[in-house]
N, C-alpha and C. Protein backbone atom coordinates (compact mmCIF):
# COMPACT_ATOMS: atom_id res chain seq x y z
N UNK A 1 154.53 102.55 122.15
CA UNK A 1 154.88 101.65 121.07
C UNK A 1 153.63 100.99 120.51
N UNK A 2 152.71 100.58 121.40
CA UNK A 2 151.47 99.95 120.94
C UNK A 2 150.67 100.88 120.05
N UNK A 3 150.58 102.15 120.44
CA UNK A 3 149.83 103.12 119.64
C UNK A 3 150.49 103.32 118.28
N UNK A 4 151.81 103.41 118.26
CA UNK A 4 152.53 103.57 117.00
C UNK A 4 152.37 102.34 116.12
N UNK A 5 152.43 101.16 116.72
CA UNK A 5 152.24 99.93 115.95
C UNK A 5 150.82 99.87 115.39
N UNK A 6 149.84 100.26 116.19
CA UNK A 6 148.45 100.26 115.72
C UNK A 6 148.25 101.26 114.59
N UNK A 7 149.01 102.35 114.62
CA UNK A 7 148.91 103.36 113.56
C UNK A 7 149.65 102.92 112.30
N UNK A 8 150.40 101.82 112.39
CA UNK A 8 151.09 101.30 111.21
C UNK A 8 152.42 101.95 110.93
N UNK A 9 152.97 102.71 111.88
CA UNK A 9 154.22 103.42 111.60
C UNK A 9 155.45 102.73 112.17
N UNK A 10 155.28 101.50 112.64
CA UNK A 10 156.41 100.70 113.14
C UNK A 10 156.43 99.35 112.45
N UNK A 11 157.63 98.81 112.31
CA UNK A 11 157.80 97.45 111.81
C UNK A 11 158.86 96.77 112.66
N UNK A 12 158.80 95.44 112.70
CA UNK A 12 159.86 94.69 113.36
C UNK A 12 160.88 94.32 112.32
N UNK A 13 162.13 94.63 112.60
CA UNK A 13 163.22 94.33 111.68
C UNK A 13 164.03 93.14 112.15
N UNK A 14 165.18 92.93 111.54
CA UNK A 14 166.04 91.81 111.89
C UNK A 14 166.53 91.88 113.34
N UNK A 15 166.76 90.74 113.94
CA UNK A 15 167.33 90.61 115.29
C UNK A 15 166.55 91.41 116.33
N UNK A 16 165.23 91.43 116.19
CA UNK A 16 164.39 92.11 117.17
C UNK A 16 164.45 93.62 117.14
N UNK A 17 164.89 94.16 116.02
CA UNK A 17 164.98 95.62 115.92
C UNK A 17 163.61 96.24 115.62
N UNK A 18 163.52 97.52 115.91
CA UNK A 18 162.32 98.29 115.61
C UNK A 18 162.65 99.23 114.46
N UNK A 19 161.75 99.31 113.50
CA UNK A 19 161.90 100.24 112.38
C UNK A 19 160.74 101.21 112.43
N UNK A 20 161.05 102.50 112.48
CA UNK A 20 160.04 103.55 112.56
C UNK A 20 160.04 104.33 111.25
N UNK A 21 158.86 104.45 110.65
CA UNK A 21 158.80 105.06 109.32
C UNK A 21 158.98 106.58 109.38
N UNK A 22 159.68 107.08 108.39
CA UNK A 22 159.80 108.52 108.17
C UNK A 22 158.97 108.82 106.93
N UNK A 23 158.07 109.79 107.08
CA UNK A 23 157.16 110.13 105.99
C UNK A 23 157.43 111.55 105.53
N UNK A 24 157.12 111.80 104.27
CA UNK A 24 157.19 113.17 103.78
C UNK A 24 155.84 113.85 104.04
N UNK A 25 155.75 115.16 103.82
CA UNK A 25 154.49 115.86 104.10
C UNK A 25 153.29 115.34 103.30
N UNK A 26 153.54 114.68 102.19
CA UNK A 26 152.44 114.13 101.38
C UNK A 26 151.95 112.79 101.92
N UNK A 27 152.64 112.24 102.92
CA UNK A 27 152.22 110.98 103.52
C UNK A 27 152.89 109.75 102.95
N UNK A 28 153.91 109.94 102.13
CA UNK A 28 154.64 108.80 101.56
C UNK A 28 155.78 108.39 102.49
N UNK A 29 155.96 107.09 102.67
CA UNK A 29 157.08 106.58 103.46
C UNK A 29 158.34 106.74 102.62
N UNK A 30 159.34 107.44 103.19
CA UNK A 30 160.57 107.70 102.45
C UNK A 30 161.81 107.13 103.13
N UNK A 31 161.65 106.59 104.35
CA UNK A 31 162.80 106.03 105.04
C UNK A 31 162.39 105.34 106.33
N UNK A 32 163.35 104.64 106.92
CA UNK A 32 163.11 103.88 108.15
C UNK A 32 164.22 104.13 109.15
N UNK A 33 163.86 104.62 110.32
CA UNK A 33 164.76 104.79 111.44
C UNK A 33 164.85 103.43 112.15
N UNK A 34 166.06 102.95 112.40
CA UNK A 34 166.27 101.62 112.97
C UNK A 34 166.79 101.72 114.40
N UNK A 35 166.31 100.81 115.23
CA UNK A 35 166.81 100.74 116.62
C UNK A 35 166.84 99.29 117.03
N UNK A 36 168.04 98.79 117.32
CA UNK A 36 168.19 97.43 117.80
C UNK A 36 168.62 97.42 119.25
N UNK A 37 168.80 96.24 119.82
CA UNK A 37 169.20 96.16 121.23
C UNK A 37 170.53 96.88 121.51
N UNK A 38 171.45 96.82 120.56
CA UNK A 38 172.78 97.41 120.77
C UNK A 38 173.22 98.34 119.64
N UNK A 39 172.31 98.78 118.80
CA UNK A 39 172.68 99.63 117.68
C UNK A 39 171.50 100.48 117.24
N UNK A 40 171.81 101.51 116.49
CA UNK A 40 170.78 102.36 115.89
C UNK A 40 171.29 102.86 114.56
N UNK A 41 170.38 103.18 113.68
CA UNK A 41 170.79 103.64 112.37
C UNK A 41 169.60 104.06 111.54
N UNK A 42 169.83 104.14 110.24
CA UNK A 42 168.79 104.52 109.30
C UNK A 42 168.95 103.64 108.07
N UNK A 43 167.85 103.14 107.55
CA UNK A 43 167.90 102.21 106.43
C UNK A 43 168.59 102.83 105.22
N UNK A 44 169.49 102.07 104.62
CA UNK A 44 170.21 102.52 103.44
C UNK A 44 169.23 102.85 102.32
N UNK A 45 169.50 103.94 101.64
CA UNK A 45 168.67 104.35 100.52
C UNK A 45 167.45 105.16 100.91
N UNK A 46 167.20 105.31 102.21
CA UNK A 46 166.05 106.09 102.66
C UNK A 46 166.41 107.55 102.88
N UNK A 47 165.38 108.35 103.10
CA UNK A 47 165.55 109.77 103.36
C UNK A 47 165.03 110.12 104.74
N UNK A 48 165.81 110.87 105.50
CA UNK A 48 165.35 111.33 106.81
C UNK A 48 164.42 112.51 106.62
N UNK A 49 163.21 112.35 107.11
CA UNK A 49 162.27 113.46 107.19
C UNK A 49 161.85 113.53 108.65
N UNK A 50 160.68 112.99 108.97
CA UNK A 50 160.23 112.90 110.36
C UNK A 50 159.46 111.61 110.58
N UNK A 51 159.74 110.95 111.70
CA UNK A 51 158.82 109.96 112.25
C UNK A 51 157.83 110.79 113.05
N UNK A 52 156.55 110.47 112.97
CA UNK A 52 155.61 111.19 113.83
C UNK A 52 154.47 110.30 114.26
N UNK A 53 153.99 110.61 115.46
CA UNK A 53 152.92 109.87 116.10
C UNK A 53 151.97 110.88 116.72
N UNK A 54 150.69 110.72 116.46
CA UNK A 54 149.70 111.63 117.03
C UNK A 54 148.84 112.24 115.95
N UNK A 55 148.12 113.25 116.34
CA UNK A 55 147.17 113.89 115.44
C UNK A 55 147.88 114.84 114.47
N UNK A 56 147.65 114.66 113.19
CA UNK A 56 148.30 115.49 112.18
C UNK A 56 147.95 116.96 112.33
N UNK A 57 146.76 117.25 112.85
CA UNK A 57 146.32 118.65 112.99
C UNK A 57 146.81 119.30 114.28
N UNK A 58 147.47 118.55 115.14
CA UNK A 58 147.91 119.07 116.44
C UNK A 58 148.82 120.27 116.27
N UNK A 59 148.66 121.25 117.13
CA UNK A 59 149.48 122.46 117.07
C UNK A 59 150.68 122.40 118.01
N UNK A 60 150.72 121.40 118.87
CA UNK A 60 151.86 121.21 119.79
C UNK A 60 152.77 120.17 119.16
N UNK A 61 153.92 120.60 118.67
CA UNK A 61 154.87 119.74 117.97
C UNK A 61 156.03 119.43 118.90
N UNK A 62 156.10 118.18 119.36
CA UNK A 62 157.17 117.73 120.27
C UNK A 62 158.23 117.02 119.45
N UNK A 63 159.41 117.61 119.36
CA UNK A 63 160.47 117.06 118.52
C UNK A 63 161.54 116.42 119.41
N UNK A 64 161.82 115.14 119.13
CA UNK A 64 162.87 114.39 119.82
C UNK A 64 163.94 113.99 118.81
N UNK A 65 165.00 113.42 119.33
CA UNK A 65 166.08 112.99 118.45
C UNK A 65 165.87 111.59 117.88
N UNK A 66 165.09 110.75 118.57
CA UNK A 66 164.89 109.36 118.14
C UNK A 66 163.42 108.98 118.28
N UNK A 67 162.96 108.10 117.42
CA UNK A 67 161.56 107.66 117.45
C UNK A 67 161.20 107.04 118.79
N UNK A 68 162.12 106.27 119.39
CA UNK A 68 161.83 105.64 120.67
C UNK A 68 161.60 106.70 121.74
N UNK A 69 162.29 107.83 121.64
CA UNK A 69 162.07 108.92 122.59
C UNK A 69 160.75 109.63 122.34
N UNK A 70 160.36 109.78 121.08
CA UNK A 70 159.05 110.37 120.77
C UNK A 70 157.94 109.49 121.34
N UNK A 71 158.06 108.18 121.17
CA UNK A 71 157.04 107.27 121.70
C UNK A 71 157.07 107.24 123.23
N UNK A 72 158.25 107.33 123.82
CA UNK A 72 158.36 107.35 125.28
C UNK A 72 157.73 108.61 125.86
N UNK A 73 158.00 109.76 125.25
CA UNK A 73 157.39 111.01 125.71
C UNK A 73 155.87 110.93 125.57
N UNK A 74 155.40 110.39 124.46
CA UNK A 74 153.95 110.23 124.27
C UNK A 74 153.36 109.37 125.39
N UNK A 75 154.05 108.31 125.76
CA UNK A 75 153.56 107.44 126.84
C UNK A 75 153.56 108.18 128.17
N UNK A 76 154.62 108.92 128.46
CA UNK A 76 154.71 109.68 129.70
C UNK A 76 153.56 110.69 129.79
N UNK A 77 153.26 111.34 128.68
CA UNK A 77 152.23 112.38 128.67
C UNK A 77 150.83 111.83 128.42
N UNK A 78 150.70 110.53 128.22
CA UNK A 78 149.39 109.96 127.93
C UNK A 78 148.92 110.23 126.51
N UNK A 79 149.87 110.41 125.61
CA UNK A 79 149.60 110.66 124.19
C UNK A 79 148.56 111.77 124.03
N UNK A 80 148.94 112.96 124.42
CA UNK A 80 148.04 114.11 124.38
C UNK A 80 147.45 114.31 122.99
N UNK A 81 146.15 114.58 122.94
CA UNK A 81 145.48 114.75 121.65
C UNK A 81 145.87 116.06 120.96
N UNK A 82 146.43 117.00 121.72
CA UNK A 82 146.85 118.26 121.12
C UNK A 82 148.29 118.22 120.62
N UNK A 83 148.90 117.02 120.63
CA UNK A 83 150.33 116.92 120.34
C UNK A 83 150.65 115.97 119.20
N UNK A 84 151.65 116.35 118.44
CA UNK A 84 152.26 115.49 117.43
C UNK A 84 153.68 115.23 117.91
N UNK A 85 154.00 113.97 118.16
CA UNK A 85 155.31 113.56 118.66
C UNK A 85 156.17 113.16 117.47
N UNK A 86 157.32 113.81 117.31
CA UNK A 86 158.12 113.61 116.10
C UNK A 86 159.58 113.33 116.45
N UNK A 87 160.27 112.70 115.51
CA UNK A 87 161.70 112.42 115.64
C UNK A 87 162.39 112.75 114.32
N UNK A 88 163.58 113.32 114.45
CA UNK A 88 164.40 113.59 113.27
C UNK A 88 165.31 112.42 112.92
N UNK A 89 165.27 111.36 113.70
CA UNK A 89 166.09 110.19 113.41
C UNK A 89 167.56 110.37 113.75
N UNK A 90 167.85 111.23 114.72
CA UNK A 90 169.22 111.40 115.17
C UNK A 90 170.04 112.35 114.34
N UNK A 91 169.45 113.01 113.39
CA UNK A 91 170.19 113.97 112.57
C UNK A 91 169.23 114.85 111.80
N UNK A 92 169.77 115.91 111.24
CA UNK A 92 168.96 116.85 110.48
C UNK A 92 169.23 116.66 108.99
N UNK A 93 168.19 116.74 108.23
CA UNK A 93 168.33 116.78 106.78
C UNK A 93 167.57 118.02 106.31
N UNK A 94 167.83 118.49 105.12
CA UNK A 94 167.04 119.61 104.62
C UNK A 94 165.54 119.29 104.61
N UNK A 95 165.19 118.05 104.33
CA UNK A 95 163.77 117.66 104.30
C UNK A 95 163.15 117.70 105.69
N UNK A 96 163.89 117.25 106.72
CA UNK A 96 163.33 117.30 108.07
C UNK A 96 163.21 118.75 108.54
N UNK A 97 164.17 119.58 108.20
CA UNK A 97 164.11 121.00 108.55
C UNK A 97 162.88 121.65 107.91
N UNK A 98 162.66 121.40 106.63
CA UNK A 98 161.50 121.97 105.93
C UNK A 98 160.19 121.47 106.52
N UNK A 99 160.13 120.20 106.87
CA UNK A 99 158.91 119.61 107.42
C UNK A 99 158.60 120.24 108.79
N UNK A 100 159.62 120.37 109.64
CA UNK A 100 159.42 121.00 110.95
C UNK A 100 158.95 122.43 110.77
N UNK A 101 159.56 123.17 109.86
CA UNK A 101 159.15 124.55 109.60
C UNK A 101 157.69 124.62 109.15
N UNK A 102 157.30 123.72 108.28
CA UNK A 102 155.91 123.73 107.79
C UNK A 102 154.93 123.45 108.92
N UNK A 103 155.24 122.48 109.76
CA UNK A 103 154.35 122.17 110.89
C UNK A 103 154.32 123.31 111.89
N UNK A 104 155.48 123.90 112.18
CA UNK A 104 155.57 124.98 113.16
C UNK A 104 154.93 126.27 112.67
N UNK A 105 154.85 126.45 111.37
CA UNK A 105 154.31 127.70 110.81
C UNK A 105 152.79 127.78 110.87
N UNK A 106 152.13 126.71 111.23
CA UNK A 106 150.67 126.75 111.32
C UNK A 106 150.27 127.68 112.46
N UNK A 107 149.20 128.44 112.30
CA UNK A 107 148.77 129.38 113.34
C UNK A 107 148.56 128.69 114.69
N UNK A 108 149.07 129.32 115.73
CA UNK A 108 148.89 128.80 117.09
C UNK A 108 149.82 127.67 117.46
N UNK A 109 150.87 127.46 116.69
CA UNK A 109 151.77 126.33 116.96
C UNK A 109 152.71 126.59 118.13
N UNK A 110 153.04 125.50 118.80
CA UNK A 110 154.02 125.47 119.88
C UNK A 110 155.04 124.41 119.52
N UNK A 111 156.30 124.80 119.40
CA UNK A 111 157.38 123.85 119.15
C UNK A 111 157.98 123.47 120.50
N UNK A 112 157.92 122.18 120.82
CA UNK A 112 158.47 121.67 122.08
C UNK A 112 159.75 120.91 121.75
N UNK A 113 160.87 121.44 122.21
CA UNK A 113 162.15 120.76 122.04
C UNK A 113 162.28 119.74 123.17
N UNK A 114 161.93 118.50 122.87
CA UNK A 114 161.98 117.41 123.86
C UNK A 114 163.23 116.59 123.61
N UNK A 115 164.35 117.28 123.62
CA UNK A 115 165.64 116.69 123.24
C UNK A 115 166.32 116.06 124.45
N UNK A 116 167.37 115.31 124.18
CA UNK A 116 168.12 114.63 125.23
C UNK A 116 168.73 115.64 126.21
N UNK A 117 169.01 115.17 127.41
CA UNK A 117 169.60 116.01 128.46
C UNK A 117 171.12 115.94 128.37
N UNK A 118 171.65 116.44 127.26
CA UNK A 118 173.10 116.46 127.06
C UNK A 118 173.44 117.59 126.09
N UNK A 119 174.72 117.73 125.76
CA UNK A 119 175.14 118.83 124.88
C UNK A 119 174.49 118.75 123.51
N UNK A 120 174.39 117.54 122.95
CA UNK A 120 173.76 117.40 121.64
C UNK A 120 172.29 117.80 121.72
N UNK A 121 171.62 117.44 122.80
CA UNK A 121 170.24 117.85 122.99
C UNK A 121 170.09 119.36 123.05
N UNK A 122 171.07 120.02 123.67
CA UNK A 122 171.04 121.49 123.73
C UNK A 122 171.21 122.10 122.34
N UNK A 123 172.06 121.48 121.51
CA UNK A 123 172.24 121.96 120.13
C UNK A 123 170.94 121.79 119.35
N UNK A 124 170.29 120.63 119.49
CA UNK A 124 169.00 120.39 118.84
C UNK A 124 167.98 121.43 119.28
N UNK A 125 167.92 121.66 120.60
CA UNK A 125 166.94 122.61 121.14
C UNK A 125 167.18 124.01 120.61
N UNK A 126 168.44 124.42 120.50
CA UNK A 126 168.74 125.75 119.97
C UNK A 126 168.28 125.87 118.52
N UNK A 127 168.46 124.82 117.77
CA UNK A 127 168.02 124.84 116.36
C UNK A 127 166.50 124.93 116.28
N UNK A 128 165.82 124.19 117.14
CA UNK A 128 164.35 124.24 117.16
C UNK A 128 163.86 125.61 117.61
N UNK A 129 164.55 126.22 118.57
CA UNK A 129 164.20 127.57 119.01
C UNK A 129 164.30 128.56 117.84
N UNK A 130 165.38 128.44 117.06
CA UNK A 130 165.56 129.30 115.89
C UNK A 130 164.44 129.10 114.87
N UNK A 131 164.07 127.86 114.63
CA UNK A 131 162.97 127.58 113.69
C UNK A 131 161.68 128.19 114.19
N UNK A 132 161.37 127.99 115.47
CA UNK A 132 160.14 128.54 116.04
C UNK A 132 160.11 130.06 115.88
N UNK A 133 161.21 130.72 116.20
CA UNK A 133 161.27 132.18 116.07
C UNK A 133 161.10 132.61 114.62
N UNK A 134 161.71 131.88 113.70
CA UNK A 134 161.65 132.25 112.28
C UNK A 134 160.24 132.16 111.71
N UNK A 135 159.43 131.22 112.22
CA UNK A 135 158.08 131.04 111.66
C UNK A 135 156.99 131.62 112.55
N UNK A 136 157.37 132.22 113.68
CA UNK A 136 156.39 132.85 114.56
C UNK A 136 155.66 131.90 115.49
N UNK A 137 156.28 130.77 115.81
CA UNK A 137 155.66 129.80 116.73
C UNK A 137 156.17 130.04 118.15
N UNK A 138 155.40 129.60 119.11
CA UNK A 138 155.86 129.60 120.50
C UNK A 138 156.90 128.49 120.66
N UNK A 139 157.69 128.57 121.73
CA UNK A 139 158.75 127.59 121.95
C UNK A 139 158.80 127.19 123.41
N UNK A 140 159.07 125.90 123.66
CA UNK A 140 159.24 125.37 125.00
C UNK A 140 160.31 124.29 124.96
N UNK A 141 161.18 124.27 125.97
CA UNK A 141 162.19 123.21 126.08
C UNK A 141 161.79 122.29 127.22
N UNK A 142 161.70 120.99 126.94
CA UNK A 142 161.46 119.98 127.96
C UNK A 142 162.72 119.14 128.13
N UNK A 143 163.07 118.84 129.38
CA UNK A 143 164.21 117.97 129.66
C UNK A 143 163.72 116.69 130.31
N UNK A 144 164.20 115.56 129.86
CA UNK A 144 163.86 114.31 130.56
C UNK A 144 164.58 114.26 131.91
N UNK A 145 164.06 113.46 132.81
CA UNK A 145 164.70 113.29 134.12
C UNK A 145 165.93 112.39 134.02
N UNK A 146 166.09 111.69 132.92
CA UNK A 146 167.26 110.85 132.66
C UNK A 146 167.96 111.40 131.42
N UNK A 147 168.87 110.63 130.84
CA UNK A 147 169.59 111.08 129.63
C UNK A 147 168.64 111.38 128.47
N UNK A 148 167.61 110.54 128.32
CA UNK A 148 166.61 110.75 127.28
C UNK A 148 165.27 110.21 127.76
N UNK A 149 164.23 110.37 126.96
CA UNK A 149 162.88 109.99 127.37
C UNK A 149 162.72 108.48 127.51
N UNK A 150 163.40 107.72 126.66
CA UNK A 150 163.32 106.26 126.77
C UNK A 150 163.99 105.80 128.06
N UNK A 151 165.13 106.39 128.41
CA UNK A 151 165.80 106.04 129.66
C UNK A 151 164.92 106.40 130.86
N UNK A 152 164.20 107.52 130.76
CA UNK A 152 163.32 107.91 131.86
C UNK A 152 162.20 106.90 132.06
N UNK A 153 161.58 106.49 130.97
CA UNK A 153 160.45 105.56 131.09
C UNK A 153 160.91 104.14 131.42
N UNK A 154 162.13 103.81 131.02
CA UNK A 154 162.67 102.46 131.29
C UNK A 154 163.16 102.31 132.72
N UNK A 155 163.46 103.46 133.34
CA UNK A 155 163.94 103.43 134.73
C UNK A 155 165.34 103.05 134.78
């Protein structure tokens, strides 16, 4: 979280909530993924693309379902310099699909499905596997030791 805040991709919202920016490939902020103590959502009027943390040139693309899980995985792994940690904000949009495809299509890319350890996570992982195959990227599935990466790091 500290690294993401230092990078400017997090904001504090109402009632102690965290807002994680979703950017388009040109670097414009197009939406905000919201996470509060007892709720989660996406800012009205915004567009889901990807929240991402890490080096833009990284060839290891770790895709999670939520920004908090992307940040938790980054913390668990020590924020690897070869990795870009990303979140789709809990759902897929055509823009997030296109963005993932563009990142995965770079030569030498590895798509890491770092999805939740549940049925929905398996659906996400299958979709990421299909994208990796379609663009010629390598694929790896990572499972958290708990329901998700944030639960794993929170204990």
